[in-house]
Amino acid sequence: PEAYPPLALATAGNHDMATLRGWWEGRDIGLKQKHGLYPMEGEAARQLARRSRERAALADVLERAGLAPKGLAADSPYGDELSLAGHAFLAASRASIAMVQLDDLTDEADQVNLPATTDAYPNWRRKLSLSIEDILNDRRVRALAEVMNRVRPFGRQDSTRREE
């Protein structure tokens, strides 16, 4: 996390990317394959193999940062502990802003937008799995807020600003 630049936003994804759960489970790759977004035969299989290596790299960096859930490996199932560890990593970064995207707060599996599709995928029409009222009382949301508040170094001075 110390490699993040101070003038950055640290988050696990955005509206055009897989949610953290969807990324770990490769759901974005399945969606792209289903909607014919891979131009070459066998590309989905290549992307799944690459994703396995990326999951292993994430597990390794979380382990080195002392944040990995016990026994985390590239083939581990996704769960709340992985979400908390990944967001703790972002919270510990030097980035001026670290946040949890709404879809990761509500533990969505599929992304809200699939670029390069129009009618084939319900872009911007998926509802969140939790209502606004339920978000406020959800144990996962509370756990993510707690880890962000506990790990995030509030009050840190931006190293790019000059003292006056």
C-alpha atoms as a PDB file:
ATOM      1  CA  PRO A   1       0.000   0.000   0.000  1.00  0.00           C
ATOM      2  CA  GLU A   2       2.930   2.367   0.497  1.00  0.00           C
ATOM      3  CA  ALA A   3       3.468   2.414  -3.288  1.00  0.00           C
ATOM      4  CA  TYR A   4       0.174   4.220  -3.964  1.00  0.00           C
ATOM      5  CA  PRO A   5       0.718   7.866  -4.901  1.00  0.00           C
ATOM      6  CA  PRO A   6      -0.737  10.383  -2.438  1.00  0.00           C
ATOM      7  CA  LEU A   7      -2.802  12.111  -5.127  1.00  0.00           C
ATOM      8  CA  ALA A   8      -4.876   9.019  -5.930  1.00  0.00           C
ATOM      9  CA  LEU A   9      -8.152   7.281  -5.205  1.00  0.00           C
ATOM     10  CA  ALA A  10      -7.759   3.715  -3.922  1.00  0.00           C
ATOM     11  CA  THR A  11     -10.762   1.506  -4.627  1.00  0.00           C
ATOM     12  CA  ALA A  12     -11.243  -2.074  -5.766  1.00  0.00           C
ATOM     13  CA  GLY A  13     -13.105  -1.156  -8.935  1.00  0.00           C
ATOM     14  CA  ASN A  14     -15.574   1.089 -10.701  1.00  0.00           C
ATOM     15  CA  HIS A  15     -18.826   0.888 -12.639  1.00  0.00           C
ATOM     16  CA  ASP A  16     -17.120  -0.499 -15.776  1.00  0.00           C
ATOM     17  CA  MET A  17     -15.250  -3.229 -13.931  1.00  0.00           C
ATOM     18  CA  ALA A  18     -16.165  -6.356 -12.068  1.00  0.00           C
ATOM     19  CA  THR A  19     -17.066  -6.044  -8.428  1.00  0.00           C
ATOM     20  CA  LEU A  20     -14.460  -7.493  -6.086  1.00  0.00           C
ATOM     21  CA  ARG A  21     -16.584 -10.651  -5.710  1.00  0.00           C
ATOM     22  CA  GLY A  22     -17.186 -10.817  -9.453  1.00  0.00           C
ATOM     23  CA  TRP A  23     -13.486 -10.379 -10.175  1.00  0.00           C
ATOM     24  CA  TRP A  24     -12.431 -13.099  -7.712  1.00  0.00           C
ATOM     25  CA  GLU A  25     -15.050 -15.491  -9.089  1.00  0.00           C
ATOM     26  CA  GLY A  26     -14.305 -14.604 -12.744  1.00  0.00           C
ATOM     27  CA  ARG A  27     -17.894 -13.582 -13.371  1.00  0.00           C
ATOM     28  CA  ASP A  28     -16.784 -10.733 -15.623  1.00  0.00           C
ATOM     29  CA  ILE A  29     -14.961 -13.210 -17.859  1.00  0.00           C
ATOM     30  CA  GLY A  30     -18.070 -15.378 -18.073  1.00  0.00           C
ATOM     31  CA  LEU A  31     -20.209 -12.357 -18.933  1.00  0.00           C
ATOM     32  CA  LYS A  32     -17.827 -11.275 -21.686  1.00  0.00           C
ATOM     33  CA  GLN A  33     -17.789 -14.778 -23.123  1.00  0.00           C
ATOM     34  CA  LYS A  34     -21.582 -15.084 -22.931  1.00  0.00           C
ATOM     35  CA  HIS A  35     -22.022 -11.813 -24.823  1.00  0.00           C
ATOM     36  CA  GLY A  36     -19.408 -12.550 -27.491  1.00  0.00           C
ATOM     37  CA  LEU A  37     -16.945  -9.899 -26.383  1.00  0.00           C
ATOM     38  CA  TYR A  38     -13.855 -12.072 -26.917  1.00  0.00           C
ATOM     39  CA  PRO A  39     -12.838 -11.895 -30.585  1.00  0.00           C
ATOM     40  CA  MET A  40     -10.559 -14.948 -30.516  1.00  0.00           C
ATOM     41  CA  GLU A  41     -11.400 -18.574 -29.844  1.00  0.00           C
ATOM     42  CA  GLY A  42     -10.124 -19.686 -26.453  1.00  0.00           C
ATOM     43  CA  GLU A  43      -9.737 -16.156 -25.084  1.00  0.00           C
ATOM     44  CA  ALA A  44     -12.020 -16.816 -22.120  1.00  0.00           C
ATOM     45  CA  ALA A  45      -9.846 -19.760 -21.081  1.00  0.00           C
ATOM     46  CA  ARG A  46      -6.714 -17.604 -21.376  1.00  0.00           C
ATOM     47  CA  GLN A  47      -8.362 -14.896 -19.265  1.00  0.00           C
ATOM     48  CA  LEU A  48      -9.378 -17.436 -16.607  1.00  0.00           C
ATOM     49  CA  ALA A  49      -5.784 -18.713 -16.423  1.00  0.00           C
ATOM     50  CA  ARG A  50      -4.522 -15.134 -16.132  1.00  0.00           C
ATOM     51  CA  ARG A  51      -7.102 -14.413 -13.419  1.00  0.00           C
ATOM     52  CA  SER A  52      -5.889 -17.397 -11.433  1.00  0.00           C
ATOM     53  CA  ARG A  53      -2.387 -15.903 -11.473  1.00  0.00           C
ATOM     54  CA  GLU A  54      -3.799 -12.498 -10.486  1.00  0.00           C
ATOM     55  CA  ARG A  55      -5.732 -14.037  -7.573  1.00  0.00           C
ATOM     56  CA  ALA A  56      -2.527 -15.745  -6.432  1.00  0.00           C
ATOM     57  CA  ALA A  57      -0.707 -12.393  -6.629  1.00  0.00           C
ATOM     58  CA  LEU A  58      -3.433 -10.715  -4.563  1.00  0.00           C
ATOM     59  CA  ALA A  59      -3.285 -13.499  -1.980  1.00  0.00           C
ATOM     60  CA  ASP A  60       0.503 -13.063  -1.844  1.00  0.00           C
ATOM     61  CA  VAL A  61       0.424  -9.275  -1.398  1.00  0.00           C
ATOM     62  CA  LEU A  62      -2.245  -9.569   1.301  1.00  0.00           C
ATOM     63  CA  GLU A  63      -0.114 -12.202   3.044  1.00  0.00           C
ATOM     64  CA  ARG A  64       2.990  -9.986   2.894  1.00  0.00           C
ATOM     65  CA  ALA A  65       0.967  -7.078   4.300  1.00  0.00           C
ATOM     66  CA  GLY A  66      -0.221  -9.283   7.157  1.00  0.00           C
ATOM     67  CA  LEU A  67      -3.845  -8.961   6.070  1.00  0.00           C
ATOM     68  CA  ALA A  68      -4.635 -12.270   4.362  1.00  0.00           C
ATOM     69  CA  PRO A  69      -7.291 -14.524   5.834  1.00  0.00           C
ATOM     70  CA  LYS A  70      -5.786 -17.793   7.066  1.00  0.00           C
ATOM     71  CA  GLY A  71      -5.185 -20.210   4.198  1.00  0.00           C
ATOM     72  CA  LEU A  72      -6.018 -17.736   1.417  1.00  0.00           C
ATOM     73  CA  ALA A  73      -4.994 -19.138  -1.972  1.00  0.00           C
ATOM     74  CA  ALA A  74      -5.894 -18.484  -5.607  1.00  0.00           C
ATOM     75  CA  ASP A  75      -8.547 -21.196  -5.488  1.00  0.00           C
ATOM     76  CA  SER A  76     -10.110 -20.115  -2.184  1.00  0.00           C
ATOM     77  CA  PRO A  77     -13.796 -19.227  -2.297  1.00  0.00           C
ATOM     78  CA  TYR A  78     -14.681 -15.565  -2.043  1.00  0.00           C
ATOM     79  CA  GLY A  79     -15.965 -14.438   1.322  1.00  0.00           C
ATOM     80  CA  ASP A  80     -16.286 -11.562   3.734  1.00  0.00           C
ATOM     81  CA  GLU A  81     -12.764 -12.085   5.106  1.00  0.00           C
ATOM     82  CA  LEU A  82     -11.255 -11.558   1.655  1.00  0.00           C
ATOM     83  CA  SER A  83     -13.341  -8.425   1.126  1.00  0.00           C
ATOM     84  CA  LEU A  84     -12.238  -7.036   4.483  1.00  0.00           C
ATOM     85  CA  ALA A  85      -8.574  -7.842   3.793  1.00  0.00           C
ATOM     86  CA  GLY A  86      -8.636  -6.276   0.326  1.00  0.00           C
ATOM     87  CA  HIS A  87     -10.252  -3.118   1.606  1.00  0.00           C
ATOM     88  CA  ALA A  88      -7.893  -2.938   4.590  1.00  0.00           C
ATOM     89  CA  PHE A  89      -5.040  -3.018   2.071  1.00  0.00           C
ATOM     90  CA  LEU A  90      -6.575  -0.077   0.198  1.00  0.00           C
ATOM     91  CA  ALA A  91      -7.264   1.780   3.454  1.00  0.00           C
ATOM     92  CA  ALA A  92      -3.609   1.418   4.454  1.00  0.00           C
ATOM     93  CA  SER A  93      -2.448   3.026   1.218  1.00  0.00           C
ATOM     94  CA  ARG A  94      -0.929   6.489   0.891  1.00  0.00           C
ATOM     95  CA  ALA A  95      -3.769   7.484  -1.466  1.00  0.00           C
ATOM     96  CA  SER A  96      -5.555  10.654  -0.366  1.00  0.00           C
ATOM     97  CA  ILE A  97      -8.900   8.906  -0.782  1.00  0.00           C
ATOM     98  CA  ALA A  98      -9.676   5.245  -0.120  1.00  0.00           C
ATOM     99  CA  MET A  99     -13.210   3.988  -0.523  1.00  0.00           C
ATOM    100  CA  VAL A 100     -15.468   1.003  -0.881  1.00  0.00           C
ATOM    101  CA  GLN A 101     -17.609   1.113  -3.997  1.00  0.00           C
ATOM    102  CA  LEU A 102     -21.322   0.700  -3.363  1.00  0.00           C
ATOM    103  CA  ASP A 103     -21.511  -2.610  -5.244  1.00  0.00           C
ATOM    104  CA  ASP A 104     -18.810  -4.045  -2.975  1.00  0.00           C
ATOM    105  CA  LEU A 105     -20.642  -2.764   0.108  1.00  0.00           C
ATOM    106  CA  THR A 106     -23.720  -4.728  -0.933  1.00  0.00           C
ATOM    107  CA  ASP A 107     -21.629  -7.730  -2.087  1.00  0.00           C
ATOM    108  CA  GLU A 108     -22.905  -7.748  -5.662  1.00  0.00           C
ATOM    109  CA  ALA A 109     -21.602 -10.520  -7.891  1.00  0.00           C
ATOM    110  CA  ASP A 110     -22.199  -8.848 -11.248  1.00  0.00           C
ATOM    111  CA  GLN A 111     -21.087  -5.425 -12.343  1.00  0.00           C
ATOM    112  CA  VAL A 112     -23.632  -2.721 -13.067  1.00  0.00           C
ATOM    113  CA  ASN A 113     -22.259  -2.003 -16.568  1.00  0.00           C
ATOM    114  CA  LEU A 114     -20.666  -4.257 -19.172  1.00  0.00           C
ATOM    115  CA  PRO A 115     -18.789  -2.039 -21.649  1.00  0.00           C
ATOM    116  CA  ALA A 116     -19.314  -2.797 -25.361  1.00  0.00           C
ATOM    117  CA  THR A 117     -22.895  -3.953 -24.814  1.00  0.00           C
ATOM    118  CA  THR A 118     -26.150  -2.107 -25.292  1.00  0.00           C
ATOM    119  CA  ASP A 119     -29.270  -4.279 -25.245  1.00  0.00           C
ATOM    120  CA  ALA A 120     -27.512  -7.578 -24.523  1.00  0.00           C
ATOM    121  CA  TYR A 121     -26.797  -6.741 -20.878  1.00  0.00           C
ATOM    122  CA  PRO A 122     -29.011  -4.736 -18.502  1.00  0.00           C
ATOM    123  CA  ASN A 123     -26.520  -1.882 -18.122  1.00  0.00           C
ATOM    124  CA  TRP A 124     -27.433   0.523 -15.342  1.00  0.00           C
ATOM    125  CA  ARG A 125     -30.685  -1.339 -14.617  1.00  0.00           C
ATOM    126  CA  ARG A 126     -29.574  -3.818 -11.964  1.00  0.00           C
ATOM    127  CA  LYS A 127     -30.891  -3.025  -8.522  1.00  0.00           C
ATOM    128  CA  LEU A 128     -28.690  -3.402  -5.478  1.00  0.00           C
ATOM    129  CA  SER A 129     -29.369  -6.463  -3.367  1.00  0.00           C
ATOM    130  CA  LEU A 130     -29.903  -4.255  -0.299  1.00  0.00           C
ATOM    131  CA  SER A 131     -32.173  -1.274   0.139  1.00  0.00           C
ATOM    132  CA  ILE A 132     -30.692   1.989   1.409  1.00  0.00           C
ATOM    133  CA  GLU A 133     -32.305   1.314   4.795  1.00  0.00           C
ATOM    134  CA  ASP A 134     -30.853  -2.201   4.936  1.00  0.00           C
ATOM    135  CA  ILE A 135     -27.376  -0.959   3.990  1.00  0.00           C
ATOM    136  CA  LEU A 136     -27.271   1.061   7.205  1.00  0.00           C
ATOM    137  CA  ASN A 137     -27.856  -2.047   9.331  1.00  0.00           C
ATOM    138  CA  ASP A 138     -26.020  -4.719   7.321  1.00  0.00           C
ATOM    139  CA  ARG A 139     -23.284  -6.546   9.258  1.00  0.00           C
ATOM    140  CA  ARG A 140     -20.987  -6.667   6.177  1.00  0.00           C
ATOM    141  CA  VAL A 141     -21.340  -2.923   5.601  1.00  0.00           C
ATOM    142  CA  ARG A 142     -20.623  -2.232   9.255  1.00  0.00           C
ATOM    143  CA  ALA A 143     -17.556  -4.518   9.159  1.00  0.00           C
ATOM    144  CA  LEU A 144     -16.202  -2.768   6.053  1.00  0.00           C
ATOM    145  CA  ALA A 145     -16.779   0.663   7.608  1.00  0.00           C
ATOM    146  CA  GLU A 146     -15.034  -0.492  10.777  1.00  0.00           C
ATOM    147  CA  VAL A 147     -11.976  -1.787   8.924  1.00  0.00           C
ATOM    148  CA  MET A 148     -11.728   1.370   6.809  1.00  0.00           C
ATOM    149  CA  ASN A 149     -11.977   3.542   9.932  1.00  0.00           C
ATOM    150  CA  ARG A 150      -9.528   1.422  11.917  1.00  0.00           C
ATOM    151  CA  VAL A 151      -6.870   1.115   9.214  1.00  0.00           C
ATOM    152  CA  ARG A 152      -7.199   4.445   7.428  1.00  0.00           C
ATOM    153  CA  PRO A 153      -4.580   6.920   8.666  1.00  0.00           C
ATOM    154  CA  PHE A 154      -6.856   9.939   9.084  1.00  0.00           C
ATOM    155  CA  GLY A 155      -5.258  13.300   9.566  1.00  0.00           C
ATOM    156  CA  ARG A 156      -2.155  12.358   7.615  1.00  0.00           C
ATOM    157  CA  GLN A 157      -0.650  15.339   5.876  1.00  0.00           C
ATOM    158  CA  ASP A 158      -0.390  15.100   2.120  1.00  0.00           C
ATOM    159  CA  SER A 159       3.329  14.886   1.383  1.00  0.00           C
ATOM    160  CA  THR A 160       2.866  16.873  -1.830  1.00  0.00           C
ATOM    161  CA  ARG A 161       1.678  20.005   0.016  1.00  0.00           C
ATOM    162  CA  ARG A 162       4.161  22.589   1.182  1.00  0.00           C
ATOM    163  CA  GLU A 163       4.126  23.837   4.722  1.00  0.00           C
ATOM    164  CA  GLU A 164       2.999  27.457   4.917  1.00  0.00           C
END
